[in-house]
Amino acid sequence: MRQYQHPDIADIQLLQVLHALADPFRLGIVYKLAITQPQSCAALDDGRPKSSVSHHFAVLRRAGVLRTEVVGVTHMNSLREQELEVRFPGLLASVLASLLRDGGTCAEE
């Protein structure tokens, strides 16, 4: 069974988080997880190729934005909201509030 690596909270870097959130598809994943989590990778793929989706999840995971746990054969994802709030107070809440004001849409989607 595959085990995913997640950075310790102290190792999460602001630039990596901002880079991860800068992509409209990844930002959409974060928005969907903020509404309902955890969710499977398949529930969040928007019909994109598996290789593309895997890349985006890996970027979010390496940046410390989400956590992926294997449950049977399903890979479940959840935001690391509380941990990110400790590391960067208000960051994720501000991003999510902005998305909610915009109806969950990303400008470049």
C-alpha atoms as a PDB file:
ATOM      1  CA  MET A   1       0.000   0.000   0.000  1.00  0.00           C
ATOM      2  CA  ARG A   2       1.320   3.429  -0.974  1.00  0.00           C
ATOM      3  CA  GLN A   3       2.113   5.870   1.812  1.00  0.00           C
ATOM      4  CA  TYR A   4       2.319   9.558   0.986  1.00  0.00           C
ATOM      5  CA  GLN A   5       4.925  11.908   2.400  1.00  0.00           C
ATOM      6  CA  HIS A   6       3.675  15.154   3.914  1.00  0.00           C
ATOM      7  CA  PRO A   7       5.967  17.949   5.106  1.00  0.00           C
ATOM      8  CA  ASP A   8       6.106  18.759   8.801  1.00  0.00           C
ATOM      9  CA  ILE A   9       4.345  21.991   9.652  1.00  0.00           C
ATOM     10  CA  ALA A  10       7.669  23.708  10.432  1.00  0.00           C
ATOM     11  CA  ASP A  11       8.991  22.805   6.973  1.00  0.00           C
ATOM     12  CA  ILE A  12       6.110  24.333   5.020  1.00  0.00           C
ATOM     13  CA  GLN A  13       7.356  27.361   3.072  1.00  0.00           C
ATOM     14  CA  LEU A  14       5.179  30.326   2.119  1.00  0.00           C
ATOM     15  CA  LEU A  15       6.465  30.472  -1.468  1.00  0.00           C
ATOM     16  CA  GLN A  16       5.598  26.806  -2.028  1.00  0.00           C
ATOM     17  CA  VAL A  17       2.087  27.344  -0.691  1.00  0.00           C
ATOM     18  CA  LEU A  18       1.581  30.426  -2.864  1.00  0.00           C
ATOM     19  CA  HIS A  19       2.943  28.584  -5.911  1.00  0.00           C
ATOM     20  CA  ALA A  20       0.563  25.685  -5.267  1.00  0.00           C
ATOM     21  CA  LEU A  21      -2.393  28.058  -4.950  1.00  0.00           C
ATOM     22  CA  ALA A  22      -1.430  30.076  -8.052  1.00  0.00           C
ATOM     23  CA  ASP A  23      -2.727  27.450 -10.491  1.00  0.00           C
ATOM     24  CA  PRO A  24      -6.485  27.732 -11.226  1.00  0.00           C
ATOM     25  CA  PHE A  25      -7.044  23.957 -11.264  1.00  0.00           C
ATOM     26  CA  ARG A  26      -5.245  23.484  -7.928  1.00  0.00           C
ATOM     27  CA  LEU A  27      -7.119  26.436  -6.462  1.00  0.00           C
ATOM     28  CA  GLY A  28     -10.327  24.744  -7.575  1.00  0.00           C
ATOM     29  CA  ILE A  29      -9.304  21.568  -5.742  1.00  0.00           C
ATOM     30  CA  VAL A  30      -8.680  23.597  -2.573  1.00  0.00           C
ATOM     31  CA  TYR A  31     -12.055  25.320  -2.927  1.00  0.00           C
ATOM     32  CA  LYS A  32     -13.892  22.002  -3.350  1.00  0.00           C
ATOM     33  CA  LEU A  33     -12.098  20.501  -0.361  1.00  0.00           C
ATOM     34  CA  ALA A  34     -12.969  23.549   1.737  1.00  0.00           C
ATOM     35  CA  ILE A  35     -16.652  22.916   1.037  1.00  0.00           C
ATOM     36  CA  THR A  36     -16.654  19.137   1.546  1.00  0.00           C
ATOM     37  CA  GLN A  37     -13.768  17.051   2.779  1.00  0.00           C
ATOM     38  CA  PRO A  38     -12.340  14.558   2.593  1.00  0.00           C
ATOM     39  CA  GLN A  39     -12.829  13.750  -1.073  1.00  0.00           C
ATOM     40  CA  SER A  40     -11.303  11.191  -3.393  1.00  0.00           C
ATOM     41  CA  CYS A  41      -8.978  12.167  -6.228  1.00  0.00           C
ATOM     42  CA  ALA A  42     -11.592  10.941  -8.714  1.00  0.00           C
ATOM     43  CA  ALA A  43     -14.221  13.277  -7.238  1.00  0.00           C
ATOM     44  CA  LEU A  44     -11.916  16.242  -7.857  1.00  0.00           C
ATOM     45  CA  ASP A  45     -10.448  15.460 -11.279  1.00  0.00           C
ATOM     46  CA  ASP A  46     -12.978  17.376 -13.457  1.00  0.00           C
ATOM     47  CA  GLY A  47     -12.420  14.800 -16.210  1.00  0.00           C
ATOM     48  CA  ARG A  48      -8.724  15.591 -16.591  1.00  0.00           C
ATOM     49  CA  PRO A  49      -6.154  12.881 -17.402  1.00  0.00           C
ATOM     50  CA  LYS A  50      -4.935  10.946 -14.384  1.00  0.00           C
ATOM     51  CA  SER A  51      -1.303  12.000 -14.975  1.00  0.00           C
ATOM     52  CA  SER A  52      -2.252  15.687 -14.908  1.00  0.00           C
ATOM     53  CA  VAL A  53      -4.386  15.297 -11.798  1.00  0.00           C
ATOM     54  CA  SER A  54      -1.643  13.314 -10.024  1.00  0.00           C
ATOM     55  CA  HIS A  55       0.816  16.124 -10.722  1.00  0.00           C
ATOM     56  CA  HIS A  56      -1.500  18.759  -9.237  1.00  0.00           C
ATOM     57  CA  PHE A  57      -2.175  16.701  -6.115  1.00  0.00           C
ATOM     58  CA  ALA A  58       1.570  16.143  -5.675  1.00  0.00           C
ATOM     59  CA  VAL A  59       2.240  19.902  -5.863  1.00  0.00           C
ATOM     60  CA  LEU A  60      -0.436  20.590  -3.235  1.00  0.00           C
ATOM     61  CA  ARG A  61       0.853  17.776  -1.023  1.00  0.00           C
ATOM     62  CA  ARG A  62       4.521  18.861  -1.243  1.00  0.00           C
ATOM     63  CA  ALA A  63       3.508  22.438  -0.441  1.00  0.00           C
ATOM     64  CA  GLY A  64       1.717  21.223   2.686  1.00  0.00           C
ATOM     65  CA  VAL A  65      -1.721  22.361   1.533  1.00  0.00           C
ATOM     66  CA  LEU A  66      -3.410  18.975   1.570  1.00  0.00           C
ATOM     67  CA  ARG A  67      -3.053  15.530   3.068  1.00  0.00           C
ATOM     68  CA  THR A  68      -3.732  12.329   1.142  1.00  0.00           C
ATOM     69  CA  GLU A  69      -4.613   9.134   3.003  1.00  0.00           C
ATOM     70  CA  VAL A  70      -5.184   5.729   1.432  1.00  0.00           C
ATOM     71  CA  VAL A  71      -8.465   4.135   2.502  1.00  0.00           C
ATOM     72  CA  GLY A  72      -8.672   0.718   0.873  1.00  0.00           C
ATOM     73  CA  VAL A  73      -8.108   1.475  -2.813  1.00  0.00           C
ATOM     74  CA  THR A  74      -9.312   5.073  -2.562  1.00  0.00           C
ATOM     75  CA  HIS A  75      -7.011   8.045  -2.057  1.00  0.00           C
ATOM     76  CA  MET A  76      -8.820  10.550   0.172  1.00  0.00           C
ATOM     77  CA  ASN A  77      -7.718  14.181   0.318  1.00  0.00           C
ATOM     78  CA  SER A  78      -8.283  16.826   2.955  1.00  0.00           C
ATOM     79  CA  LEU A  79      -6.987  20.337   3.533  1.00  0.00           C
ATOM     80  CA  ARG A  80      -4.436  20.929   6.258  1.00  0.00           C
ATOM     81  CA  GLU A  81      -6.447  23.971   7.365  1.00  0.00           C
ATOM     82  CA  GLN A  82      -5.568  23.978  11.057  1.00  0.00           C
ATOM     83  CA  GLU A  83      -1.885  23.349  10.424  1.00  0.00           C
ATOM     84  CA  LEU A  84      -1.689  26.086   7.791  1.00  0.00           C
ATOM     85  CA  GLU A  85      -3.496  28.476  10.138  1.00  0.00           C
ATOM     86  CA  VAL A  86      -0.800  27.888  12.764  1.00  0.00           C
ATOM     87  CA  ARG A  87       2.008  28.366  10.248  1.00  0.00           C
ATOM     88  CA  PHE A  88       0.511  31.249   8.216  1.00  0.00           C
ATOM     89  CA  PRO A  89      -2.375  32.806  10.180  1.00  0.00           C
ATOM     90  CA  GLY A  90      -5.227  33.941   7.962  1.00  0.00           C
ATOM     91  CA  LEU A  91      -3.660  32.906   4.654  1.00  0.00           C
ATOM     92  CA  LEU A  92      -5.936  30.053   3.637  1.00  0.00           C
ATOM     93  CA  ALA A  93      -8.994  31.739   5.153  1.00  0.00           C
ATOM     94  CA  SER A  94      -8.326  34.848   3.034  1.00  0.00           C
ATOM     95  CA  VAL A  95      -7.890  32.820  -0.142  1.00  0.00           C
ATOM     96  CA  LEU A  96     -11.071  30.849   0.519  1.00  0.00           C
ATOM     97  CA  ALA A  97     -13.044  33.996   1.412  1.00  0.00           C
ATOM     98  CA  SER A  98     -11.988  35.556  -1.882  1.00  0.00           C
ATOM     99  CA  LEU A  99     -13.083  32.450  -3.777  1.00  0.00           C
ATOM    100  CA  LEU A 100     -16.435  32.427  -1.995  1.00  0.00           C
ATOM    101  CA  ARG A 101     -16.999  36.080  -2.927  1.00  0.00           C
ATOM    102  CA  ASP A 102     -16.269  35.150  -6.551  1.00  0.00           C
ATOM    103  CA  GLY A 103     -18.633  32.177  -6.450  1.00  0.00           C
ATOM    104  CA  GLY A 104     -15.830  29.618  -6.434  1.00  0.00           C
ATOM    105  CA  THR A 105     -14.563  30.523  -9.868  1.00  0.00           C
ATOM    106  CA  CYS A 106     -10.957  31.100 -10.818  1.00  0.00           C
ATOM    107  CA  ALA A 107     -10.232  33.772 -13.418  1.00  0.00           C
ATOM    108  CA  GLU A 108      -8.211  31.494 -15.730  1.00  0.00           C
ATOM    109  CA  GLU A 109     -10.377  28.364 -15.533  1.00  0.00           C
END
